[in-house]
Amino acid sequence: MTAPLFSGRARRSVAALGAVSAGLLLLSACDKPTPLATVTVGTSSVSTEAACSDGKELTADKVQECFADLKHAKTIEYGRGDTLRLGVEPDVVEDGKKWQAVLDGQQITEPSGNTYDSFPGADIFATGGQGGEAPASKKLNIVQVSEDGKPLAVWAFTIKLK
């Protein structure tokens, strides 16, 4: 009979070390999450990662697809006259990149290199829907743009009228 090379305790230690190493290897293969964008109305806030971000310039078709995609949109309620606040993490505006707000497919802000903007008393539902009646909700997108204005990422939000 031969003596075991490792004791039971040593085998368990090696197995645990192997499991930890495998876990770290799997984590290192994960994609880095995209920076967050945040919409705040009053004391309520919602944040989300980019709904569309390929790590390179987005095509016009891809941007339109992102604007139409409602499954990734976070929802927040908005009352007429509330202050609307938009914010992005510093990564969004690094290296000369900027962001802009788009409401129902229409650009409503100029590209900004700031991480935050506030719109006190802005009535985003002032433009009525059919028959002059305000729609129940609007789609707000934050679009990251490169130095030359090309879209790089899109964050999606739904603003519901209170």
N, C-alpha and C. Protein backbone atom coordinates (compact mmCIF):
# COMPACT_ATOMS: atom_id res chain seq x y z
N MET A 1 0.84 -1.16 0.00
CA MET A 1 0.00 0.00 0.00
C MET A 1 0.89 1.23 0.00
N THR A 2 0.44 2.24 -0.75
CA THR A 2 1.25 3.46 -0.81
C THR A 2 0.61 4.53 0.04
N ALA A 3 1.40 5.43 0.52
CA ALA A 3 0.90 6.54 1.35
C ALA A 3 0.31 7.61 0.43
N PRO A 4 -0.77 8.24 0.85
CA PRO A 4 -1.35 9.29 0.01
C PRO A 4 -0.38 10.46 -0.12
N LEU A 5 -0.37 11.05 -1.33
CA LEU A 5 0.52 12.17 -1.61
C LEU A 5 0.12 13.40 -0.80
N PHE A 6 -1.20 13.63 -0.68
CA PHE A 6 -1.70 14.77 0.08
C PHE A 6 -2.71 14.26 1.11
N SER A 7 -2.76 14.94 2.23
CA SER A 7 -3.76 14.58 3.22
C SER A 7 -5.12 15.10 2.77
N GLY A 8 -6.18 14.67 3.42
CA GLY A 8 -7.54 15.12 3.07
C GLY A 8 -7.68 16.63 3.18
N ARG A 9 -7.07 17.19 4.20
CA ARG A 9 -7.14 18.63 4.40
C ARG A 9 -6.43 19.37 3.28
N ALA A 10 -5.29 18.91 2.84
CA ALA A 10 -4.54 19.55 1.76
C ALA A 10 -5.33 19.47 0.45
N ARG A 11 -5.98 18.30 0.18
CA ARG A 11 -6.79 18.17 -1.04
C ARG A 11 -7.94 19.16 -1.05
N ARG A 12 -8.60 19.34 0.11
CA ARG A 12 -9.70 20.30 0.18
C ARG A 12 -9.20 21.73 -0.03
N SER A 13 -8.03 22.04 0.50
CA SER A 13 -7.46 23.38 0.31
C SER A 13 -7.14 23.64 -1.16
N VAL A 14 -6.56 22.64 -1.82
CA VAL A 14 -6.23 22.78 -3.25
C VAL A 14 -7.51 22.91 -4.06
N ALA A 15 -8.54 22.15 -3.72
CA ALA A 15 -9.81 22.23 -4.43
C ALA A 15 -10.45 23.61 -4.25
N ALA A 16 -10.39 24.15 -3.03
CA ALA A 16 -10.96 25.47 -2.76
C ALA A 16 -10.20 26.54 -3.53
N LEU A 17 -8.88 26.45 -3.55
CA LEU A 17 -8.05 27.40 -4.28
C LEU A 17 -8.37 27.34 -5.78
N GLY A 18 -8.57 26.14 -6.29
CA GLY A 18 -8.93 25.97 -7.70
C GLY A 18 -10.28 26.59 -8.01
N ALA A 19 -11.25 26.43 -7.11
CA ALA A 19 -12.58 27.00 -7.32
C ALA A 19 -12.52 28.53 -7.31
N VAL A 20 -11.76 29.09 -6.38
CA VAL A 20 -11.62 30.55 -6.32
C VAL A 20 -10.95 31.06 -7.59
N SER A 21 -9.90 30.37 -8.05
CA SER A 21 -9.21 30.79 -9.27
C SER A 21 -10.14 30.73 -10.47
N ALA A 22 -10.94 29.69 -10.57
CA ALA A 22 -11.88 29.57 -11.69
C ALA A 22 -12.92 30.69 -11.64
N GLY A 23 -13.39 31.02 -10.45
CA GLY A 23 -14.36 32.11 -10.30
C GLY A 23 -13.78 33.45 -10.72
N LEU A 24 -12.54 33.72 -10.31
CA LEU A 24 -11.90 34.97 -10.72
C LEU A 24 -11.68 35.02 -12.22
N LEU A 25 -11.35 33.91 -12.83
CA LEU A 25 -11.17 33.85 -14.28
C LEU A 25 -12.48 34.16 -14.98
N LEU A 26 -13.59 33.62 -14.49
CA LEU A 26 -14.88 33.89 -15.09
C LEU A 26 -15.27 35.37 -14.94
N LEU A 27 -15.01 35.94 -13.77
CA LEU A 27 -15.32 37.35 -13.55
C LEU A 27 -14.50 38.26 -14.45
N SER A 28 -13.26 37.91 -14.70
CA SER A 28 -12.42 38.76 -15.54
C SER A 28 -12.89 38.74 -16.99
N ALA A 29 -13.64 37.73 -17.40
CA ALA A 29 -14.16 37.65 -18.76
C ALA A 29 -15.45 38.45 -18.93
N CYS A 30 -16.05 38.92 -17.84
CA CYS A 30 -17.30 39.68 -17.92
C CYS A 30 -17.04 41.06 -18.50
N ASP A 31 -18.04 41.59 -19.20
CA ASP A 31 -17.95 42.94 -19.72
C ASP A 31 -18.07 43.93 -18.58
N LYS A 32 -17.34 45.02 -18.72
CA LYS A 32 -17.43 46.10 -17.76
C LYS A 32 -18.79 46.78 -17.96
N PRO A 33 -19.53 47.03 -16.90
CA PRO A 33 -20.83 47.68 -17.08
C PRO A 33 -20.65 49.10 -17.62
N THR A 34 -21.65 49.55 -18.39
CA THR A 34 -21.58 50.91 -18.91
C THR A 34 -21.88 51.89 -17.78
N PRO A 35 -21.42 53.12 -17.91
CA PRO A 35 -21.73 54.12 -16.89
C PRO A 35 -23.24 54.33 -16.79
N LEU A 36 -23.67 54.85 -15.66
CA LEU A 36 -25.09 55.09 -15.43
C LEU A 36 -25.50 56.49 -15.86
N ALA A 37 -26.75 56.61 -16.27
CA ALA A 37 -27.41 57.90 -16.46
C ALA A 37 -28.57 57.92 -15.49
N THR A 38 -28.89 59.10 -14.98
CA THR A 38 -29.93 59.23 -13.96
C THR A 38 -30.90 60.34 -14.32
N VAL A 39 -32.18 60.09 -14.09
CA VAL A 39 -33.22 61.11 -14.22
C VAL A 39 -33.84 61.28 -12.84
N THR A 40 -33.95 62.53 -12.40
CA THR A 40 -34.52 62.85 -11.10
C THR A 40 -35.67 63.83 -11.28
N VAL A 41 -36.79 63.54 -10.64
CA VAL A 41 -37.94 64.43 -10.59
C VAL A 41 -38.33 64.53 -9.12
N GLY A 42 -38.23 65.74 -8.56
CA GLY A 42 -38.51 65.91 -7.14
C GLY A 42 -37.54 65.08 -6.32
N THR A 43 -38.06 64.17 -5.49
CA THR A 43 -37.20 63.33 -4.67
C THR A 43 -37.06 61.92 -5.25
N SER A 44 -37.63 61.68 -6.42
CA SER A 44 -37.55 60.36 -7.06
C SER A 44 -36.47 60.35 -8.13
N SER A 45 -35.70 59.27 -8.15
CA SER A 45 -34.65 59.11 -9.15
C SER A 45 -34.67 57.71 -9.72
N VAL A 46 -34.30 57.59 -10.99
CA VAL A 46 -34.09 56.29 -11.61
C VAL A 46 -32.77 56.36 -12.37
N SER A 47 -32.01 55.29 -12.28
CA SER A 47 -30.73 55.19 -12.98
C SER A 47 -30.71 53.91 -13.80
N THR A 48 -29.96 53.94 -14.87
CA THR A 48 -29.84 52.76 -15.71
C THR A 48 -28.53 52.76 -16.48
N GLU A 49 -28.12 51.57 -16.88
CA GLU A 49 -27.00 51.44 -17.79
C GLU A 49 -27.49 51.73 -19.20
N ALA A 50 -26.58 51.91 -20.12
CA ALA A 50 -26.94 52.19 -21.51
C ALA A 50 -27.74 51.02 -22.10
N ALA A 51 -28.82 51.37 -22.79
CA ALA A 51 -29.62 50.36 -23.48
C ALA A 51 -28.90 49.93 -24.75
N CYS A 52 -28.12 50.83 -25.33
CA CYS A 52 -27.36 50.54 -26.54
C CYS A 52 -25.96 51.12 -26.39
N SER A 53 -24.98 50.27 -26.52
CA SER A 53 -23.58 50.70 -26.46
C SER A 53 -22.72 49.58 -27.00
N ASP A 54 -22.12 49.80 -28.15
CA ASP A 54 -21.28 48.78 -28.77
C ASP A 54 -19.79 49.04 -28.55
N GLY A 55 -19.47 50.12 -27.83
CA GLY A 55 -18.08 50.47 -27.64
C GLY A 55 -17.49 51.19 -28.85
N LYS A 56 -18.34 51.45 -29.83
CA LYS A 56 -17.93 52.21 -31.01
C LYS A 56 -19.13 53.02 -31.47
N GLU A 57 -18.97 53.77 -32.54
CA GLU A 57 -20.04 54.61 -33.07
C GLU A 57 -21.27 53.79 -33.44
N LEU A 58 -22.45 54.29 -33.07
CA LEU A 58 -23.71 53.63 -33.41
C LEU A 58 -24.21 54.15 -34.75
N THR A 59 -24.75 53.26 -35.57
CA THR A 59 -25.33 53.68 -36.85
C THR A 59 -26.65 54.39 -36.59
N ALA A 60 -27.11 55.17 -37.57
CA ALA A 60 -28.39 55.87 -37.44
C ALA A 60 -29.52 54.88 -37.22
N ASP A 61 -29.48 53.74 -37.93
CA ASP A 61 -30.52 52.73 -37.75
C ASP A 61 -30.52 52.16 -36.33
N LYS A 62 -29.32 51.94 -35.79
CA LYS A 62 -29.20 51.40 -34.43
C LYS A 62 -29.74 52.41 -33.41
N VAL A 63 -29.45 53.69 -33.62
CA VAL A 63 -29.94 54.73 -32.71
C VAL A 63 -31.47 54.76 -32.73
N GLN A 64 -32.07 54.71 -33.92
CA GLN A 64 -33.53 54.70 -34.03
C GLN A 64 -34.12 53.47 -33.36
N GLU A 65 -33.44 52.34 -33.51
CA GLU A 65 -33.88 51.09 -32.85
C GLU A 65 -33.84 51.27 -31.33
N CYS A 66 -32.80 51.92 -30.84
CA CYS A 66 -32.66 52.17 -29.40
C CYS A 66 -33.76 53.10 -28.90
N PHE A 67 -34.09 54.13 -29.69
CA PHE A 67 -35.14 55.07 -29.31
C PHE A 67 -36.49 54.36 -29.20
N ALA A 68 -36.73 53.38 -30.06
CA ALA A 68 -38.01 52.67 -30.09
C ALA A 68 -38.11 51.56 -29.04
N ASP A 69 -36.97 51.13 -28.51
CA ASP A 69 -36.93 50.02 -27.55
C ASP A 69 -37.44 50.47 -26.19
N LEU A 70 -38.57 49.92 -25.77
CA LEU A 70 -39.14 50.29 -24.47
C LEU A 70 -38.79 49.31 -23.36
N LYS A 71 -38.26 48.13 -23.69
CA LYS A 71 -38.03 47.13 -22.66
C LYS A 71 -36.88 47.49 -21.72
N HIS A 72 -35.95 48.33 -22.17
CA HIS A 72 -34.83 48.73 -21.31
C HIS A 72 -35.09 50.06 -20.58
N ALA A 73 -36.22 50.70 -20.88
CA ALA A 73 -36.50 52.03 -20.33
C ALA A 73 -36.92 51.97 -18.87
N LYS A 74 -36.31 52.79 -18.04
CA LYS A 74 -36.73 52.96 -16.65
C LYS A 74 -37.80 54.04 -16.62
N THR A 75 -38.77 53.90 -15.74
CA THR A 75 -39.91 54.82 -15.70
C THR A 75 -39.87 55.70 -14.45
N ILE A 76 -40.23 56.97 -14.63
CA ILE A 76 -40.34 57.91 -13.51
C ILE A 76 -41.55 58.80 -13.77
N GLU A 77 -42.26 59.20 -12.70
CA GLU A 77 -43.43 60.07 -12.83
C GLU A 77 -43.01 61.52 -12.78
N TYR A 78 -43.74 62.33 -13.54
CA TYR A 78 -43.44 63.74 -13.69
C TYR A 78 -44.72 64.54 -13.62
N GLY A 79 -44.77 65.55 -12.77
CA GLY A 79 -45.93 66.44 -12.68
C GLY A 79 -45.60 67.76 -13.34
N ARG A 80 -46.59 68.35 -13.96
CA ARG A 80 -46.38 69.64 -14.64
C ARG A 80 -45.73 70.64 -13.68
N GLY A 81 -44.68 71.29 -14.16
CA GLY A 81 -43.98 72.28 -13.36
C GLY A 81 -42.87 71.70 -12.48
N ASP A 82 -42.73 70.39 -12.43
CA ASP A 82 -41.64 69.78 -11.66
C ASP A 82 -40.30 70.13 -12.28
N THR A 83 -39.25 70.06 -11.49
CA THR A 83 -37.90 70.24 -12.00
C THR A 83 -37.38 68.90 -12.47
N LEU A 84 -36.93 68.87 -13.69
CA LEU A 84 -36.35 67.67 -14.30
C LEU A 84 -34.84 67.80 -14.22
N ARG A 85 -34.21 66.79 -13.65
CA ARG A 85 -32.74 66.79 -13.53
C ARG A 85 -32.18 65.57 -14.25
N LEU A 86 -31.16 65.79 -15.05
CA LEU A 86 -30.50 64.72 -15.80
C LEU A 86 -29.04 64.68 -15.40
N GLY A 87 -28.54 63.47 -15.18
CA GLY A 87 -27.14 63.34 -14.80
C GLY A 87 -26.50 62.11 -15.44
N VAL A 88 -25.20 62.20 -15.65
CA VAL A 88 -24.43 61.08 -16.18
C VAL A 88 -23.16 60.93 -15.34
N GLU A 89 -22.62 59.73 -15.34
CA GLU A 89 -21.36 59.51 -14.63
C GLU A 89 -20.21 60.18 -15.40
N PRO A 90 -19.14 60.55 -14.71
CA PRO A 90 -18.02 61.22 -15.36
C PRO A 90 -17.43 60.48 -16.57
N ASP A 91 -17.52 59.15 -16.58
CA ASP A 91 -16.99 58.38 -17.72
C ASP A 91 -17.67 58.77 -19.03
N VAL A 92 -18.92 59.22 -18.96
CA VAL A 92 -19.68 59.55 -20.17
C VAL A 92 -19.08 60.76 -20.88
N VAL A 93 -18.50 61.68 -20.13
CA VAL A 93 -17.99 62.92 -20.72
C VAL A 93 -16.46 63.00 -20.74
N GLU A 94 -15.81 61.89 -20.55
CA GLU A 94 -14.34 61.94 -20.58
C GLU A 94 -13.84 61.95 -22.02
N ASP A 95 -12.62 62.40 -22.20
CA ASP A 95 -11.96 62.43 -23.50
C ASP A 95 -12.73 63.23 -24.55
N GLY A 96 -13.36 64.32 -24.14
CA GLY A 96 -14.05 65.19 -25.09
C GLY A 96 -15.43 64.73 -25.50
N LYS A 97 -15.90 63.62 -24.95
CA LYS A 97 -17.25 63.15 -25.27
C LYS A 97 -18.27 64.03 -24.56
N LYS A 98 -19.49 64.03 -25.10
CA LYS A 98 -20.57 64.83 -24.52
C LYS A 98 -21.84 64.00 -24.52
N TRP A 99 -22.91 64.57 -23.97
CA TRP A 99 -24.21 63.91 -23.98
C TRP A 99 -25.27 64.96 -24.28
N GLN A 100 -26.41 64.47 -24.77
CA GLN A 100 -27.55 65.35 -25.04
C GLN A 100 -28.83 64.60 -24.73
N ALA A 101 -29.89 65.36 -24.45
CA ALA A 101 -31.19 64.76 -24.16
C ALA A 101 -32.05 64.79 -25.41
N VAL A 102 -32.78 63.69 -25.61
CA VAL A 102 -33.69 63.55 -26.75
C VAL A 102 -35.04 63.13 -26.21
N LEU A 103 -36.08 63.91 -26.52
CA LEU A 103 -37.44 63.64 -26.05
C LEU A 103 -38.30 63.23 -27.24
N ASP A 104 -38.83 62.01 -27.19
CA ASP A 104 -39.63 61.47 -28.28
C ASP A 104 -38.96 61.65 -29.64
N GLY A 105 -37.65 61.39 -29.68
CA GLY A 105 -36.89 61.45 -30.93
C GLY A 105 -36.41 62.82 -31.34
N GLN A 106 -36.74 63.87 -30.57
CA GLN A 106 -36.33 65.23 -30.89
C GLN A 106 -35.30 65.72 -29.87
N GLN A 107 -34.16 66.19 -30.36
CA GLN A 107 -33.12 66.70 -29.47
C GLN A 107 -33.65 67.92 -28.73
N ILE A 108 -33.53 67.91 -27.38
CA ILE A 108 -34.04 69.03 -26.58
C ILE A 108 -32.93 69.80 -25.87
N THR A 109 -31.70 69.28 -25.91
CA THR A 109 -30.57 70.01 -25.33
C THR A 109 -29.41 69.96 -26.31
N GLU A 110 -28.53 70.91 -26.17
CA GLU A 110 -27.28 70.89 -26.93
C GLU A 110 -26.34 69.91 -26.27
N PRO A 111 -25.38 69.34 -27.01
CA PRO A 111 -24.40 68.45 -26.38
C PRO A 111 -23.67 69.17 -25.24
N SER A 112 -23.51 68.47 -24.12
CA SER A 112 -22.91 69.05 -22.92
C SER A 112 -21.76 68.19 -22.42
N GLY A 113 -20.74 68.86 -21.92
CA GLY A 113 -19.62 68.17 -21.30
C GLY A 113 -19.77 68.11 -19.79
N ASN A 114 -20.86 68.65 -19.25
CA ASN A 114 -21.13 68.60 -17.82
C ASN A 114 -21.74 67.25 -17.46
N THR A 115 -21.67 66.89 -16.20
CA THR A 115 -22.26 65.62 -15.78
C THR A 115 -23.69 65.77 -15.28
N TYR A 116 -24.21 67.01 -15.27
CA TYR A 116 -25.52 67.25 -14.67
C TYR A 116 -26.18 68.46 -15.34
N ASP A 117 -27.47 68.39 -15.51
CA ASP A 117 -28.22 69.55 -15.99
C ASP A 117 -29.59 69.54 -15.32
N SER A 118 -30.14 70.72 -15.09
CA SER A 118 -31.40 70.85 -14.39
C SER A 118 -32.33 71.75 -15.21
N PHE A 119 -33.62 71.38 -15.24
CA PHE A 119 -34.60 72.14 -15.99
C PHE A 119 -35.77 72.47 -15.06
N PRO A 120 -35.65 73.57 -14.28
CA PRO A 120 -36.70 73.92 -13.33
C PRO A 120 -37.98 74.36 -14.05
N GLY A 121 -39.08 73.77 -13.63
CA GLY A 121 -40.38 74.17 -14.15
C GLY A 121 -40.62 73.84 -15.61
N ALA A 122 -39.76 73.05 -16.22
CA ALA A 122 -39.94 72.70 -17.63
C ALA A 122 -41.16 71.80 -17.77
N ASP A 123 -42.04 72.13 -18.69
CA ASP A 123 -43.21 71.29 -18.91
C ASP A 123 -42.98 70.48 -20.17
N ILE A 124 -42.44 69.28 -19.99
CA ILE A 124 -42.12 68.45 -21.15
C ILE A 124 -43.37 67.89 -21.81
N PHE A 125 -44.52 68.06 -21.18
CA PHE A 125 -45.78 67.61 -21.77
C PHE A 125 -46.57 68.77 -22.38
N ALA A 126 -45.94 69.95 -22.51
CA ALA A 126 -46.63 71.12 -23.06
C ALA A 126 -47.06 70.90 -24.50
N THR A 127 -46.28 70.17 -25.26
CA THR A 127 -46.68 69.88 -26.64
C THR A 127 -47.66 68.73 -26.59
N GLY A 128 -48.88 69.02 -26.84
CA GLY A 128 -49.95 68.03 -26.71
C GLY A 128 -49.88 66.95 -27.76
N GLY A 129 -50.64 65.93 -27.52
CA GLY A 129 -50.76 64.84 -28.47
C GLY A 129 -51.91 65.12 -29.42
N GLN A 130 -52.63 64.13 -29.81
CA GLN A 130 -53.76 64.26 -30.71
C GLN A 130 -54.85 65.10 -30.05
N GLY A 131 -55.37 66.05 -30.78
CA GLY A 131 -56.45 66.87 -30.26
C GLY A 131 -56.01 67.81 -29.16
N GLY A 132 -54.70 68.08 -29.05
CA GLY A 132 -54.19 68.99 -28.03
C GLY A 132 -54.09 68.38 -26.65
N GLU A 133 -54.49 67.12 -26.50
CA GLU A 133 -54.43 66.46 -25.21
C GLU A 133 -53.02 65.91 -24.98
N ALA A 134 -52.50 66.11 -23.79
CA ALA A 134 -51.14 65.64 -23.47
C ALA A 134 -51.10 64.12 -23.44
N PRO A 135 -50.04 63.53 -23.97
CA PRO A 135 -49.90 62.07 -23.90
C PRO A 135 -49.66 61.64 -22.46
N ALA A 136 -49.90 60.37 -22.18
CA ALA A 136 -49.72 59.84 -20.83
C ALA A 136 -48.24 59.66 -20.48
N SER A 137 -47.40 59.48 -21.50
CA SER A 137 -45.97 59.31 -21.24
C SER A 137 -45.16 59.77 -22.45
N LYS A 138 -43.89 60.02 -22.19
CA LYS A 138 -42.95 60.40 -23.25
C LYS A 138 -41.67 59.61 -23.05
N LYS A 139 -40.98 59.39 -24.13
CA LYS A 139 -39.71 58.66 -24.12
C LYS A 139 -38.56 59.66 -24.06
N LEU A 140 -37.73 59.56 -23.05
CA LEU A 140 -36.56 60.42 -22.89
C LEU A 140 -35.32 59.56 -23.06
N ASN A 141 -34.44 59.98 -23.95
CA ASN A 141 -33.18 59.28 -24.14
C ASN A 141 -32.04 60.23 -23.85
N ILE A 142 -31.00 59.70 -23.27
CA ILE A 142 -29.74 60.43 -23.13
C ILE A 142 -28.78 59.76 -24.10
N VAL A 143 -28.17 60.57 -24.96
CA VAL A 143 -27.30 60.06 -26.01
C VAL A 143 -25.89 60.58 -25.79
N GLN A 144 -24.95 59.67 -25.67
CA GLN A 144 -23.54 60.05 -25.59
C GLN A 144 -23.03 60.25 -27.01
N VAL A 145 -22.33 61.37 -27.24
CA VAL A 145 -21.79 61.65 -28.56
C VAL A 145 -20.29 61.88 -28.48
N SER A 146 -19.62 61.53 -29.57
CA SER A 146 -18.17 61.73 -29.66
C SER A 146 -17.87 63.21 -29.89
N GLU A 147 -16.59 63.56 -29.94
CA GLU A 147 -16.19 64.94 -30.17
C GLU A 147 -16.77 65.49 -31.47
N ASP A 148 -16.92 64.61 -32.47
CA ASP A 148 -17.46 65.06 -33.75
C ASP A 148 -18.98 64.84 -33.87
N GLY A 149 -19.65 64.57 -32.73
CA GLY A 149 -21.11 64.50 -32.71
C GLY A 149 -21.72 63.17 -33.10
N LYS A 150 -20.92 62.12 -33.25
CA LYS A 150 -21.44 60.80 -33.61
C LYS A 150 -21.95 60.08 -32.36
N PRO A 151 -23.12 59.42 -32.44
CA PRO A 151 -23.67 58.73 -31.26
C PRO A 151 -22.85 57.51 -30.87
N LEU A 152 -22.62 57.36 -29.56
CA LEU A 152 -21.82 56.25 -29.03
C LEU A 152 -22.63 55.33 -28.11
N ALA A 153 -23.61 55.89 -27.40
CA ALA A 153 -24.41 55.11 -26.46
C ALA A 153 -25.75 55.81 -26.25
N VAL A 154 -26.76 55.02 -25.85
CA VAL A 154 -28.10 55.56 -25.61
C VAL A 154 -28.65 54.97 -24.31
N TRP A 155 -29.14 55.85 -23.44
CA TRP A 155 -29.83 55.44 -22.22
C TRP A 155 -31.31 55.74 -22.41
N ALA A 156 -32.18 54.89 -21.88
CA ALA A 156 -33.62 55.01 -22.15
C ALA A 156 -34.42 55.19 -20.87
N PHE A 157 -35.35 56.15 -20.91
CA PHE A 157 -36.25 56.43 -19.78
C PHE A 157 -37.65 56.68 -20.32
N THR A 158 -38.65 56.38 -19.53
CA THR A 158 -40.03 56.73 -19.84
C THR A 158 -40.49 57.70 -18.76
N ILE A 159 -41.00 58.86 -19.19
CA ILE A 159 -41.51 59.87 -18.27
C ILE A 159 -43.03 59.79 -18.32
N LYS A 160 -43.65 59.44 -17.18
CA LYS A 160 -45.12 59.32 -17.11
C LYS A 160 -45.69 60.57 -16.46
N LEU A 161 -46.73 61.10 -17.07
CA LEU A 161 -47.41 62.26 -16.52
C LEU A 161 -48.23 61.85 -15.30
N LYS A 162 -48.05 62.58 -14.18
CA LYS A 162 -48.82 62.29 -12.96
C LYS A 162 -50.27 62.66 -13.16
